[in-house]
Amino acid sequence: MQNHDMTQPANVSPKRRLSMLAAPLQGVTDGVWRTAHAAVFGGIDAYYAPMLRVERGEMRRREMRDVSPQRNVGITLVPQVLACAPADALLMVTSLKQMGYSRVDINLGCPFPPLALHRKGSGMLAHPAEVAALFQALASVDGVQYSVKMRLGWDSADQWRDILPLMSLLHPVHITLHPRIGKQQYRGELDMEQADRFVADCPCQVVFNGCLMSGDDIDAIANRYPDLAGVMLGRGLAAHPGMVSGDASVDSYRRFHDMLVAGYTAQLDGGEGQLVRRLQTIWEYLLLDDVPHRQLKAIRKARTLDQYLNAVTDALEAALA
């Protein structure tokens, strides 16, 4: 396999251990993925669910099913909510509390323009008064602790300066920082100079997120920020599920994939075509740098489950040889 170091466990200081958190990746890290990852690879302290939203005054049922305790047995799950209207946020948080959750993550980081331009996710960072109203409403819910996932700003890298003082309204257990602005989406370099200032000024514990693709990347961030509480792993973990545990064996990846097939087969009722399309989305990330183009093309072109499974067998053997 190319880039063997990408699957090595983080070698951080023995005096403390960084929390290893799995980031929410829409369309990838759902309940099936989370439980399969925990069973085969492990090493993750908490999994953060893709964001929940309210549409037309109601919770999205599919998203609520995904965070149901019955679909997340054996893992620590933190649901994430995205809203700018306090009433929508309260609806989601109270519903999650009724399901038994006492920790909720607040999304101030989503850069997707159709949401951000409606002052949701990272789009809220340009409107501190609305963030304050959201935090005040959420703080009124007894028995729930919060964390916040955010960017440096929406269209300016110093907008976080108006947001940090508002954290006193919510008292989050930590803030996860992705050091880009929302308008960048996932393009361009991380703004590490602003990240340094953010970490120095932040009144809460900080978790770092962004471009952590290997154990060496985690080490570098841990060394740069000695008081860091943890790291949140997104695309790196989706590409190399054994990144934290150091497990890059073909057998483990096959077992992981077999659990995905079984899990989606049990949940989906749209026939073989729907199952294949759902499994193909995993390959938008999984081992992408290590799978030869010919094998990836075969996976993407598969129309039957047999075609897909044969292509996956070839891809795993090529990538992990």
C-alpha atoms as a PDB file:
ATOM      1  CA  MET A   1       0.000   0.000   0.000  1.00  0.00           C
ATOM      2  CA  GLN A   2       1.217   3.475  -0.744  1.00  0.00           C
ATOM      3  CA  ASN A   3       1.754   5.961   2.093  1.00  0.00           C
ATOM      4  CA  HIS A   4       2.045   3.340   4.822  1.00  0.00           C
ATOM      5  CA  ASP A   5       2.394   6.027   7.506  1.00  0.00           C
ATOM      6  CA  MET A   6      -1.226   7.081   6.902  1.00  0.00           C
ATOM      7  CA  THR A   7      -2.432   4.156   8.975  1.00  0.00           C
ATOM      8  CA  GLN A   8      -0.006   4.478  11.852  1.00  0.00           C
ATOM      9  CA  PRO A   9      -1.436   5.423  15.266  1.00  0.00           C
ATOM     10  CA  ALA A  10      -0.693   8.864  16.626  1.00  0.00           C
ATOM     11  CA  ASN A  11       2.497   8.938  18.708  1.00  0.00           C
ATOM     12  CA  VAL A  12       1.647  11.791  21.055  1.00  0.00           C
ATOM     13  CA  SER A  13       3.209  12.546  24.431  1.00  0.00           C
ATOM     14  CA  PRO A  14       2.778   9.716  26.986  1.00  0.00           C
ATOM     15  CA  LYS A  15       1.940  12.342  29.644  1.00  0.00           C
ATOM     16  CA  ARG A  16      -1.525  12.814  28.175  1.00  0.00           C
ATOM     17  CA  ARG A  17      -3.775  11.416  25.511  1.00  0.00           C
ATOM     18  CA  LEU A  18      -5.640  13.420  22.932  1.00  0.00           C
ATOM     19  CA  SER A  19      -9.297  12.570  22.483  1.00  0.00           C
ATOM     20  CA  MET A  20      -9.859  10.991  19.089  1.00  0.00           C
ATOM     21  CA  LEU A  21     -13.183  12.120  17.656  1.00  0.00           C
ATOM     22  CA  ALA A  22     -14.791  11.055  14.385  1.00  0.00           C
ATOM     23  CA  ALA A  23     -16.138  13.994  12.400  1.00  0.00           C
ATOM     24  CA  PRO A  24     -19.604  14.032  10.865  1.00  0.00           C
ATOM     25  CA  LEU A  25     -19.403  13.503   7.112  1.00  0.00           C
ATOM     26  CA  GLN A  26     -22.765  13.875   5.428  1.00  0.00           C
ATOM     27  CA  GLY A  27     -23.684  10.781   3.443  1.00  0.00           C
ATOM     28  CA  VAL A  28     -20.798   8.692   4.795  1.00  0.00           C
ATOM     29  CA  THR A  29     -20.489   8.399   8.582  1.00  0.00           C
ATOM     30  CA  ASP A  30     -24.009   7.220   9.349  1.00  0.00           C
ATOM     31  CA  GLY A  31     -24.984   4.619  11.933  1.00  0.00           C
ATOM     32  CA  VAL A  32     -23.965   1.681   9.759  1.00  0.00           C
ATOM     33  CA  TRP A  33     -20.529   3.174   9.118  1.00  0.00           C
ATOM     34  CA  ARG A  34     -20.037   4.149  12.761  1.00  0.00           C
ATOM     35  CA  THR A  35     -20.906   0.768  14.258  1.00  0.00           C
ATOM     36  CA  ALA A  36     -18.843  -1.085  11.655  1.00  0.00           C
ATOM     37  CA  HIS A  37     -15.855   1.173  12.259  1.00  0.00           C
ATOM     38  CA  ALA A  38     -16.042   0.753  16.027  1.00  0.00           C
ATOM     39  CA  ALA A  39     -16.387  -3.034  15.760  1.00  0.00           C
ATOM     40  CA  VAL A  40     -13.484  -3.542  13.345  1.00  0.00           C
ATOM     41  CA  PHE A  41     -11.010  -0.711  13.930  1.00  0.00           C
ATOM     42  CA  GLY A  42     -11.937   1.219  17.072  1.00  0.00           C
ATOM     43  CA  GLY A  43      -9.675   3.841  18.632  1.00  0.00           C
ATOM     44  CA  ILE A  44     -12.366   6.545  18.516  1.00  0.00           C
ATOM     45  CA  ASP A  45     -13.603   8.101  21.754  1.00  0.00           C
ATOM     46  CA  ALA A  46     -16.787   9.580  20.280  1.00  0.00           C
ATOM     47  CA  TYR A  47     -18.503   9.646  16.923  1.00  0.00           C
ATOM     48  CA  TYR A  48     -20.248  12.863  15.848  1.00  0.00           C
ATOM     49  CA  ALA A  49     -23.370  12.302  13.782  1.00  0.00           C
ATOM     50  CA  PRO A  50     -24.035  14.246  10.575  1.00  0.00           C
ATOM     51  CA  MET A  51     -26.133  17.315  11.258  1.00  0.00           C
ATOM     52  CA  LEU A  52     -29.818  17.202  12.081  1.00  0.00           C
ATOM     53  CA  ARG A  53     -32.129  19.832  10.606  1.00  0.00           C
ATOM     54  CA  VAL A  54     -35.709  21.025  10.862  1.00  0.00           C
ATOM     55  CA  GLU A  55     -37.744  21.356   7.675  1.00  0.00           C
ATOM     56  CA  ARG A  56     -41.176  22.963   7.613  1.00  0.00           C
ATOM     57  CA  GLY A  57     -41.338  22.864  11.376  1.00  0.00           C
ATOM     58  CA  GLU A  58     -40.589  19.146  11.672  1.00  0.00           C
ATOM     59  CA  MET A  59     -37.600  16.959  12.343  1.00  0.00           C
ATOM     60  CA  ARG A  60     -36.261  15.042   9.363  1.00  0.00           C
ATOM     61  CA  ARG A  61     -37.275  11.490  10.208  1.00  0.00           C
ATOM     62  CA  ARG A  62     -34.453   9.729   8.400  1.00  0.00           C
ATOM     63  CA  GLU A  63     -31.877  11.768  10.326  1.00  0.00           C
ATOM     64  CA  MET A  64     -33.593  11.059  13.636  1.00  0.00           C
ATOM     65  CA  ARG A  65     -33.644   7.338  12.882  1.00  0.00           C
ATOM     66  CA  ASP A  66     -29.911   7.488  12.228  1.00  0.00           C
ATOM     67  CA  VAL A  67     -29.190   8.790  15.749  1.00  0.00           C
ATOM     68  CA  SER A  68     -31.594   6.443  17.506  1.00  0.00           C
ATOM     69  CA  PRO A  69     -29.797   4.520  20.270  1.00  0.00           C
ATOM     70  CA  GLN A  70     -30.898   1.247  18.659  1.00  0.00           C
ATOM     71  CA  ARG A  71     -28.769   2.038  15.595  1.00  0.00           C
ATOM     72  CA  ASN A  72     -25.727   3.118  17.591  1.00  0.00           C
ATOM     73  CA  VAL A  73     -25.195   0.315  20.060  1.00  0.00           C
ATOM     74  CA  GLY A  74     -21.718   0.053  21.560  1.00  0.00           C
ATOM     75  CA  ILE A  75     -20.460   3.525  20.625  1.00  0.00           C
ATOM     76  CA  THR A  76     -20.449   6.989  22.144  1.00  0.00           C
ATOM     77  CA  LEU A  77     -22.491   9.155  19.806  1.00  0.00           C
ATOM     78  CA  VAL A  78     -22.834  12.939  19.899  1.00  0.00           C
ATOM     79  CA  PRO A  79     -25.659  14.240  17.696  1.00  0.00           C
ATOM     80  CA  GLN A  80     -25.097  17.517  15.879  1.00  0.00           C
ATOM     81  CA  VAL A  81     -27.762  20.146  15.174  1.00  0.00           C
ATOM     82  CA  LEU A  82     -27.791  22.878  12.530  1.00  0.00           C
ATOM     83  CA  ALA A  83     -30.183  25.810  12.912  1.00  0.00           C
ATOM     84  CA  CYS A  84     -30.244  29.573  13.031  1.00  0.00           C
ATOM     85  CA  ALA A  85     -33.755  29.882  14.482  1.00  0.00           C
ATOM     86  CA  PRO A  86     -33.734  29.258  18.249  1.00  0.00           C
ATOM     87  CA  ALA A  87     -37.121  27.514  18.022  1.00  0.00           C
ATOM     88  CA  ASP A  88     -35.747  24.971  15.528  1.00  0.00           C
ATOM     89  CA  ALA A  89     -32.680  24.329  17.677  1.00  0.00           C
ATOM     90  CA  LEU A  90     -34.839  23.854  20.787  1.00  0.00           C
ATOM     91  CA  LEU A  91     -37.077  21.390  18.955  1.00  0.00           C
ATOM     92  CA  MET A  92     -34.068  19.280  17.997  1.00  0.00           C
ATOM     93  CA  VAL A  93     -32.328  19.436  21.364  1.00  0.00           C
ATOM     94  CA  THR A  94     -35.436  18.621  23.379  1.00  0.00           C
ATOM     95  CA  SER A  95     -36.182  15.715  21.027  1.00  0.00           C
ATOM     96  CA  LEU A  96     -32.633  14.416  21.466  1.00  0.00           C
ATOM     97  CA  LYS A  97     -32.908  14.798  25.230  1.00  0.00           C
ATOM     98  CA  GLN A  98     -36.073  12.689  25.175  1.00  0.00           C
ATOM     99  CA  MET A  99     -34.083  10.016  23.299  1.00  0.00           C
ATOM    100  CA  GLY A 100     -31.593   9.960  26.160  1.00  0.00           C
ATOM    101  CA  TYR A 101     -28.853  12.262  24.873  1.00  0.00           C
ATOM    102  CA  SER A 102     -27.146  14.643  27.291  1.00  0.00           C
ATOM    103  CA  ARG A 103     -24.507  15.931  24.836  1.00  0.00           C
ATOM    104  CA  VAL A 104     -25.235  17.844  21.637  1.00  0.00           C
ATOM    105  CA  ASP A 105     -22.867  19.487  19.156  1.00  0.00           C
ATOM    106  CA  ILE A 106     -23.781  22.844  17.607  1.00  0.00           C
ATOM    107  CA  ASN A 107     -22.870  23.279  13.941  1.00  0.00           C
ATOM    108  CA  LEU A 108     -21.378  26.698  13.168  1.00  0.00           C
ATOM    109  CA  GLY A 109     -19.074  25.259  10.547  1.00  0.00           C
ATOM    110  CA  CYS A 110     -21.034  23.881   7.591  1.00  0.00           C
ATOM    111  CA  PRO A 111     -19.824  25.758   4.462  1.00  0.00           C
ATOM    112  CA  PHE A 112     -22.479  24.440   2.050  1.00  0.00           C
ATOM    113  CA  PRO A 113     -23.725  27.648   0.359  1.00  0.00           C
ATOM    114  CA  PRO A 114     -27.450  26.776   0.216  1.00  0.00           C
ATOM    115  CA  LEU A 115     -27.361  26.499   4.014  1.00  0.00           C
ATOM    116  CA  ALA A 116     -24.694  29.067   4.885  1.00  0.00           C
ATOM    117  CA  LEU A 117     -26.325  31.789   2.798  1.00  0.00           C
ATOM    118  CA  HIS A 118     -29.430  31.308   4.946  1.00  0.00           C
ATOM    119  CA  ARG A 119     -27.330  32.090   8.021  1.00  0.00           C
ATOM    120  CA  LYS A 120     -26.879  28.477   9.055  1.00  0.00           C
ATOM    121  CA  GLY A 121     -23.617  26.717   9.850  1.00  0.00           C
ATOM    122  CA  SER A 122     -20.611  28.891   9.097  1.00  0.00           C
ATOM    123  CA  GLY A 123     -22.950  31.526   7.663  1.00  0.00           C
ATOM    124  CA  MET A 124     -23.980  32.403  11.220  1.00  0.00           C
ATOM    125  CA  LEU A 125     -20.461  33.516  12.099  1.00  0.00           C
ATOM    126  CA  ALA A 126     -21.016  36.820  10.306  1.00  0.00           C
ATOM    127  CA  HIS A 127     -24.044  37.489  12.545  1.00  0.00           C
ATOM    128  CA  PRO A 128     -22.988  37.358  16.204  1.00  0.00           C
ATOM    129  CA  ALA A 129     -26.330  38.672  17.470  1.00  0.00           C
ATOM    130  CA  GLU A 130     -28.031  35.620  15.982  1.00  0.00           C
ATOM    131  CA  VAL A 131     -25.417  33.332  17.498  1.00  0.00           C
ATOM    132  CA  ALA A 132     -26.074  34.945  20.884  1.00  0.00           C
ATOM    133  CA  ALA A 133     -29.824  34.362  20.561  1.00  0.00           C
ATOM    134  CA  LEU A 134     -29.209  30.730  19.596  1.00  0.00           C
ATOM    135  CA  PHE A 135     -26.874  30.146  22.534  1.00  0.00           C
ATOM    136  CA  GLN A 136     -29.251  31.790  25.020  1.00  0.00           C
ATOM    137  CA  ALA A 137     -32.085  29.552  23.889  1.00  0.00           C
ATOM    138  CA  LEU A 138     -30.016  26.378  24.041  1.00  0.00           C
ATOM    139  CA  ALA A 139     -28.671  27.231  27.489  1.00  0.00           C
ATOM    140  CA  SER A 140     -32.238  27.124  28.798  1.00  0.00           C
ATOM    141  CA  VAL A 141     -32.442  23.349  28.328  1.00  0.00           C
ATOM    142  CA  ASP A 142     -31.548  21.620  31.583  1.00  0.00           C
ATOM    143  CA  GLY A 143     -29.468  18.469  31.572  1.00  0.00           C
ATOM    144  CA  VAL A 144     -27.760  18.985  28.209  1.00  0.00           C
ATOM    145  CA  GLN A 145     -24.116  19.897  27.656  1.00  0.00           C
ATOM    146  CA  TYR A 146     -22.903  21.346  24.396  1.00  0.00           C
ATOM    147  CA  SER A 147     -19.875  21.461  22.183  1.00  0.00           C
ATOM    148  CA  VAL A 148     -19.488  23.787  19.199  1.00  0.00           C
ATOM    149  CA  LYS A 149     -17.952  23.048  15.801  1.00  0.00           C
ATOM    150  CA  MET A 150     -16.976  26.218  13.961  1.00  0.00           C
ATOM    151  CA  ARG A 151     -14.775  27.858  11.377  1.00  0.00           C
ATOM    152  CA  LEU A 152     -12.783  31.057  11.658  1.00  0.00           C
ATOM    153  CA  GLY A 153     -15.622  32.942  10.001  1.00  0.00           C
ATOM    154  CA  TRP A 154     -17.885  33.005   6.979  1.00  0.00           C
ATOM    155  CA  ASP A 155     -16.214  35.583   4.748  1.00  0.00           C
ATOM    156  CA  SER A 156     -13.490  36.944   7.029  1.00  0.00           C
ATOM    157  CA  ALA A 157     -10.920  34.988   9.010  1.00  0.00           C
ATOM    158  CA  ASP A 158     -11.250  37.149  12.117  1.00  0.00           C
ATOM    159  CA  GLN A 159     -15.018  36.857  12.646  1.00  0.00           C
ATOM    160  CA  TRP A 160     -14.352  34.326  15.394  1.00  0.00           C
ATOM    161  CA  ARG A 161     -13.285  37.248  17.614  1.00  0.00           C
ATOM    162  CA  ASP A 162     -16.926  38.325  17.914  1.00  0.00           C
ATOM    163  CA  ILE A 163     -18.077  34.764  18.542  1.00  0.00           C
ATOM    164  CA  LEU A 164     -15.733  33.598  21.313  1.00  0.00           C
ATOM    165  CA  PRO A 165     -17.080  36.014  23.959  1.00  0.00           C
ATOM    166  CA  LEU A 166     -20.536  34.538  23.369  1.00  0.00           C
ATOM    167  CA  MET A 167     -19.363  31.126  24.567  1.00  0.00           C
ATOM    168  CA  SER A 168     -19.979  32.301  28.133  1.00  0.00           C
ATOM    169  CA  LEU A 169     -23.697  31.993  27.355  1.00  0.00           C
ATOM    170  CA  LEU A 170     -23.379  28.297  26.523  1.00  0.00           C
ATOM    171  CA  HIS A 171     -20.275  27.062  28.433  1.00  0.00           C
ATOM    172  CA  PRO A 172     -19.388  24.395  25.841  1.00  0.00           C
ATOM    173  CA  VAL A 173     -17.249  21.471  26.924  1.00  0.00           C
ATOM    174  CA  HIS A 174     -15.051  22.180  23.924  1.00  0.00           C
ATOM    175  CA  ILE A 175     -14.918  24.026  20.618  1.00  0.00           C
ATOM    176  CA  THR A 176     -13.842  22.196  17.490  1.00  0.00           C
ATOM    177  CA  LEU A 177     -12.030  24.554  15.143  1.00  0.00           C
ATOM    178  CA  HIS A 178     -11.643  24.060  11.413  1.00  0.00           C
ATOM    179  CA  PRO A 179      -9.254  26.913  10.464  1.00  0.00           C
ATOM    180  CA  ARG A 180     -10.769  27.957   7.162  1.00  0.00           C
ATOM    181  CA  ILE A 181     -13.538  30.423   6.424  1.00  0.00           C
ATOM    182  CA  GLY A 182     -16.856  29.121   5.193  1.00  0.00           C
ATOM    183  CA  LYS A 183     -16.502  30.628   1.729  1.00  0.00           C
ATOM    184  CA  GLN A 184     -13.411  28.486   1.159  1.00  0.00           C
ATOM    185  CA  GLN A 185     -15.476  25.346   1.677  1.00  0.00           C
ATOM    186  CA  TYR A 186     -12.650  22.748   1.625  1.00  0.00           C
ATOM    187  CA  ARG A 187     -10.328  24.569  -0.773  1.00  0.00           C
ATOM    188  CA  GLY A 188      -7.086  26.355  -0.040  1.00  0.00           C
ATOM    189  CA  GLU A 189      -4.707  26.194   2.866  1.00  0.00           C
ATOM    190  CA  LEU A 190      -5.621  26.150   6.533  1.00  0.00           C
ATOM    191  CA  ASP A 191      -5.075  29.559   8.155  1.00  0.00           C
ATOM    192  CA  MET A 192      -2.721  28.475  10.904  1.00  0.00           C
ATOM    193  CA  GLU A 193      -1.827  32.019  11.965  1.00  0.00           C
ATOM    194  CA  GLN A 194      -5.456  32.711  12.820  1.00  0.00           C
ATOM    195  CA  ALA A 195      -5.698  29.269  14.390  1.00  0.00           C
ATOM    196  CA  ASP A 196      -2.800  30.157  16.697  1.00  0.00           C
ATOM    197  CA  ARG A 197      -4.615  33.305  17.810  1.00  0.00           C
ATOM    198  CA  PHE A 198      -7.878  31.417  18.248  1.00  0.00           C
ATOM    199  CA  VAL A 199      -6.312  28.738  20.434  1.00  0.00           C
ATOM    200  CA  ALA A 200      -4.488  31.344  22.525  1.00  0.00           C
ATOM    201  CA  ASP A 201      -7.678  33.361  23.144  1.00  0.00           C
ATOM    202  CA  CYS A 202     -10.242  30.570  23.419  1.00  0.00           C
ATOM    203  CA  PRO A 203     -11.866  30.340  26.875  1.00  0.00           C
ATOM    204  CA  CYS A 204     -12.769  26.669  26.308  1.00  0.00           C
ATOM    205  CA  GLN A 205     -10.927  23.489  25.502  1.00  0.00           C
ATOM    206  CA  VAL A 206     -10.084  23.259  21.803  1.00  0.00           C
ATOM    207  CA  VAL A 207     -10.357  20.308  19.435  1.00  0.00           C
ATOM    208  CA  PHE A 208      -8.587  20.646  16.074  1.00  0.00           C
ATOM    209  CA  ASN A 209     -10.166  19.614  12.773  1.00  0.00           C
ATOM    210  CA  GLY A 210      -8.857  19.961   9.244  1.00  0.00           C
ATOM    211  CA  CYS A 211      -6.451  18.117   6.909  1.00  0.00           C
ATOM    212  CA  LEU A 212      -5.492  15.472   9.461  1.00  0.00           C
ATOM    213  CA  MET A 213      -4.687  12.661   7.060  1.00  0.00           C
ATOM    214  CA  SER A 214      -2.098  10.672   9.014  1.00  0.00           C
ATOM    215  CA  GLY A 215      -0.659   9.953  12.418  1.00  0.00           C
ATOM    216  CA  ASP A 216       2.164  12.340  11.573  1.00  0.00           C
ATOM    217  CA  ASP A 217      -0.384  15.096  10.974  1.00  0.00           C
ATOM    218  CA  ILE A 218      -1.901  14.453  14.399  1.00  0.00           C
ATOM    219  CA  ASP A 219       1.532  14.517  16.002  1.00  0.00           C
ATOM    220  CA  ALA A 220       2.328  17.853  14.368  1.00  0.00           C
ATOM    221  CA  ILE A 221      -0.856  19.462  15.673  1.00  0.00           C
ATOM    222  CA  ALA A 222      -0.349  18.009  19.155  1.00  0.00           C
ATOM    223  CA  ASN A 223       3.151  19.456  19.223  1.00  0.00           C
ATOM    224  CA  ARG A 224       1.990  22.841  17.926  1.00  0.00           C
ATOM    225  CA  TYR A 225      -0.765  23.069  20.565  1.00  0.00           C
ATOM    226  CA  PRO A 226       0.394  21.388  23.781  1.00  0.00           C
ATOM    227  CA  ASP A 227      -2.916  22.063  25.563  1.00  0.00           C
ATOM    228  CA  LEU A 228      -5.120  20.715  22.784  1.00  0.00           C
ATOM    229  CA  ALA A 229      -8.015  18.599  24.068  1.00  0.00           C
ATOM    230  CA  GLY A 230      -8.346  16.411  21.007  1.00  0.00           C
ATOM    231  CA  VAL A 231      -8.546  16.057  17.267  1.00  0.00           C
ATOM    232  CA  MET A 232     -11.576  15.483  15.072  1.00  0.00           C
ATOM    233  CA  LEU A 233     -10.844  13.239  12.105  1.00  0.00           C
ATOM    234  CA  GLY A 234     -12.934  13.518   8.965  1.00  0.00           C
ATOM    235  CA  ARG A 235     -11.706  12.759   5.474  1.00  0.00           C
ATOM    236  CA  GLY A 236      -8.526  11.111   6.758  1.00  0.00           C
ATOM    237  CA  LEU A 237     -10.476   8.594   8.831  1.00  0.00           C
ATOM    238  CA  ALA A 238     -13.010   7.974   6.061  1.00  0.00           C
ATOM    239  CA  ALA A 239     -10.138   7.291   3.645  1.00  0.00           C
ATOM    240  CA  HIS A 240      -8.186   5.117   6.064  1.00  0.00           C
ATOM    241  CA  PRO A 241     -10.490   3.721   8.782  1.00  0.00           C
ATOM    242  CA  GLY A 242      -7.473   2.078  10.456  1.00  0.00           C
ATOM    243  CA  MET A 243      -5.712   5.430  10.771  1.00  0.00           C
ATOM    244  CA  VAL A 244      -5.904   5.586  14.580  1.00  0.00           C
ATOM    245  CA  SER A 245      -5.620   1.897  15.405  1.00  0.00           C
ATOM    246  CA  GLY A 246      -2.805   1.285  12.937  1.00  0.00           C
ATOM    247  CA  ASP A 247      -4.695  -1.642  11.392  1.00  0.00           C
ATOM    248  CA  ALA A 248      -4.251  -1.747   7.621  1.00  0.00           C
ATOM    249  CA  SER A 249      -4.778  -5.461   7.047  1.00  0.00           C
ATOM    250  CA  VAL A 250      -6.764  -6.688   4.080  1.00  0.00           C
ATOM    251  CA  ASP A 251      -8.830  -8.916   6.397  1.00  0.00           C
ATOM    252  CA  SER A 252      -9.903  -5.974   8.550  1.00  0.00           C
ATOM    253  CA  TYR A 253     -10.891  -3.864   5.580  1.00  0.00           C
ATOM    254  CA  ARG A 254     -12.843  -6.767   4.132  1.00  0.00           C
ATOM    255  CA  ARG A 255     -14.619  -7.326   7.443  1.00  0.00           C
ATOM    256  CA  PHE A 256     -15.403  -3.601   7.665  1.00  0.00           C
ATOM    257  CA  HIS A 257     -16.813  -3.599   4.152  1.00  0.00           C
ATOM    258  CA  ASP A 258     -18.798  -6.789   4.798  1.00  0.00           C
ATOM    259  CA  MET A 259     -20.414  -5.099   7.792  1.00  0.00           C
ATOM    260  CA  LEU A 260     -21.329  -2.112   5.624  1.00  0.00           C
ATOM    261  CA  VAL A 261     -22.950  -4.405   3.064  1.00  0.00           C
ATOM    262  CA  ALA A 262     -24.898  -6.264   5.751  1.00  0.00           C
ATOM    263  CA  GLY A 263     -25.935  -3.073   7.527  1.00  0.00           C
ATOM    264  CA  TYR A 264     -27.223  -1.304   4.433  1.00  0.00           C
ATOM    265  CA  THR A 265     -28.912  -4.472   3.184  1.00  0.00           C
ATOM    266  CA  ALA A 266     -30.880  -4.592   6.446  1.00  0.00           C
ATOM    267  CA  GLN A 267     -31.818  -0.893   6.382  1.00  0.00           C
ATOM    268  CA  LEU A 268     -32.530  -0.119   2.748  1.00  0.00           C
ATOM    269  CA  ASP A 269     -35.685  -1.301   1.025  1.00  0.00           C
ATOM    270  CA  GLY A 270     -35.126   0.098  -2.467  1.00  0.00           C
ATOM    271  CA  GLY A 271     -33.660  -3.028  -4.002  1.00  0.00           C
ATOM    272  CA  GLU A 272     -30.208  -3.930  -5.277  1.00  0.00           C
ATOM    273  CA  GLY A 273     -29.728  -0.720  -7.219  1.00  0.00           C
ATOM    274  CA  GLN A 274     -30.250   1.455  -4.155  1.00  0.00           C
ATOM    275  CA  LEU A 275     -27.887  -0.737  -2.125  1.00  0.00           C
ATOM    276  CA  VAL A 276     -25.128  -0.479  -4.737  1.00  0.00           C
ATOM    277  CA  ARG A 277     -25.513   3.297  -5.019  1.00  0.00           C
ATOM    278  CA  ARG A 278     -25.295   3.678  -1.246  1.00  0.00           C
ATOM    279  CA  LEU A 279     -22.153   1.558  -1.040  1.00  0.00           C
ATOM    280  CA  GLN A 280     -20.552   3.472  -3.902  1.00  0.00           C
ATOM    281  CA  THR A 281     -20.676   6.690  -1.865  1.00  0.00           C
ATOM    282  CA  ILE A 282     -18.223   5.172   0.632  1.00  0.00           C
ATOM    283  CA  TRP A 283     -15.630   5.114  -2.160  1.00  0.00           C
ATOM    284  CA  GLU A 284     -15.727   8.875  -2.496  1.00  0.00           C
ATOM    285  CA  TYR A 285     -13.263   8.684   0.405  1.00  0.00           C
ATOM    286  CA  LEU A 286     -12.219   5.094   1.183  1.00  0.00           C
ATOM    287  CA  LEU A 287      -8.580   4.419   0.231  1.00  0.00           C
ATOM    288  CA  LEU A 288      -8.972   6.899  -2.570  1.00  0.00           C
ATOM    289  CA  ASP A 289      -5.272   7.747  -2.896  1.00  0.00           C
ATOM    290  CA  ASP A 290      -4.265   4.097  -2.875  1.00  0.00           C
ATOM    291  CA  VAL A 291      -6.783   2.495  -5.228  1.00  0.00           C
ATOM    292  CA  PRO A 292      -5.730   2.381  -8.894  1.00  0.00           C
ATOM    293  CA  HIS A 293      -8.002   4.402 -11.157  1.00  0.00           C
ATOM    294  CA  ARG A 294      -9.072   1.286 -13.065  1.00  0.00           C
ATOM    295  CA  GLN A 295     -10.471  -0.335  -9.895  1.00  0.00           C
ATOM    296  CA  LEU A 296     -12.208   2.846  -8.762  1.00  0.00           C
ATOM    297  CA  LYS A 297     -13.811   3.206 -12.181  1.00  0.00           C
ATOM    298  CA  ALA A 298     -15.084  -0.374 -11.984  1.00  0.00           C
ATOM    299  CA  ILE A 299     -16.628   0.312  -8.561  1.00  0.00           C
ATOM    300  CA  ARG A 300     -18.350   3.456  -9.804  1.00  0.00           C
ATOM    301  CA  LYS A 301     -19.657   1.785 -12.972  1.00  0.00           C
ATOM    302  CA  ALA A 302     -21.080  -1.283 -11.188  1.00  0.00           C
ATOM    303  CA  ARG A 303     -24.823  -1.694 -11.589  1.00  0.00           C
ATOM    304  CA  THR A 304     -25.368  -5.034  -9.845  1.00  0.00           C
ATOM    305  CA  LEU A 305     -24.221  -6.167  -6.423  1.00  0.00           C
ATOM    306  CA  ASP A 306     -22.078  -8.923  -7.934  1.00  0.00           C
ATOM    307  CA  GLN A 307     -20.308  -6.427 -10.205  1.00  0.00           C
ATOM    308  CA  TYR A 308     -19.757  -4.108  -7.274  1.00  0.00           C
ATOM    309  CA  LEU A 309     -18.429  -6.798  -4.927  1.00  0.00           C
ATOM    310  CA  ASN A 310     -16.027  -8.164  -7.547  1.00  0.00           C
ATOM    311  CA  ALA A 311     -14.700  -4.640  -8.160  1.00  0.00           C
ATOM    312  CA  VAL A 312     -14.270  -4.056  -4.429  1.00  0.00           C
ATOM    313  CA  THR A 313     -12.308  -7.289  -4.010  1.00  0.00           C
ATOM    314  CA  ASP A 314      -9.898  -6.192  -6.747  1.00  0.00           C
ATOM    315  CA  ALA A 315      -9.628  -2.682  -5.261  1.00  0.00           C
ATOM    316  CA  LEU A 316      -8.814  -3.862  -1.734  1.00  0.00           C
ATOM    317  CA  GLU A 317      -6.209  -6.304  -2.956  1.00  0.00           C
ATOM    318  CA  ALA A 318      -4.585  -3.627  -5.120  1.00  0.00           C
ATOM    319  CA  ALA A 319      -4.609  -0.940  -2.423  1.00  0.00           C
ATOM    320  CA  LEU A 320      -3.562  -3.057   0.538  1.00  0.00           C
ATOM    321  CA  ALA A 321      -1.106  -5.393  -1.154  1.00  0.00           C
END
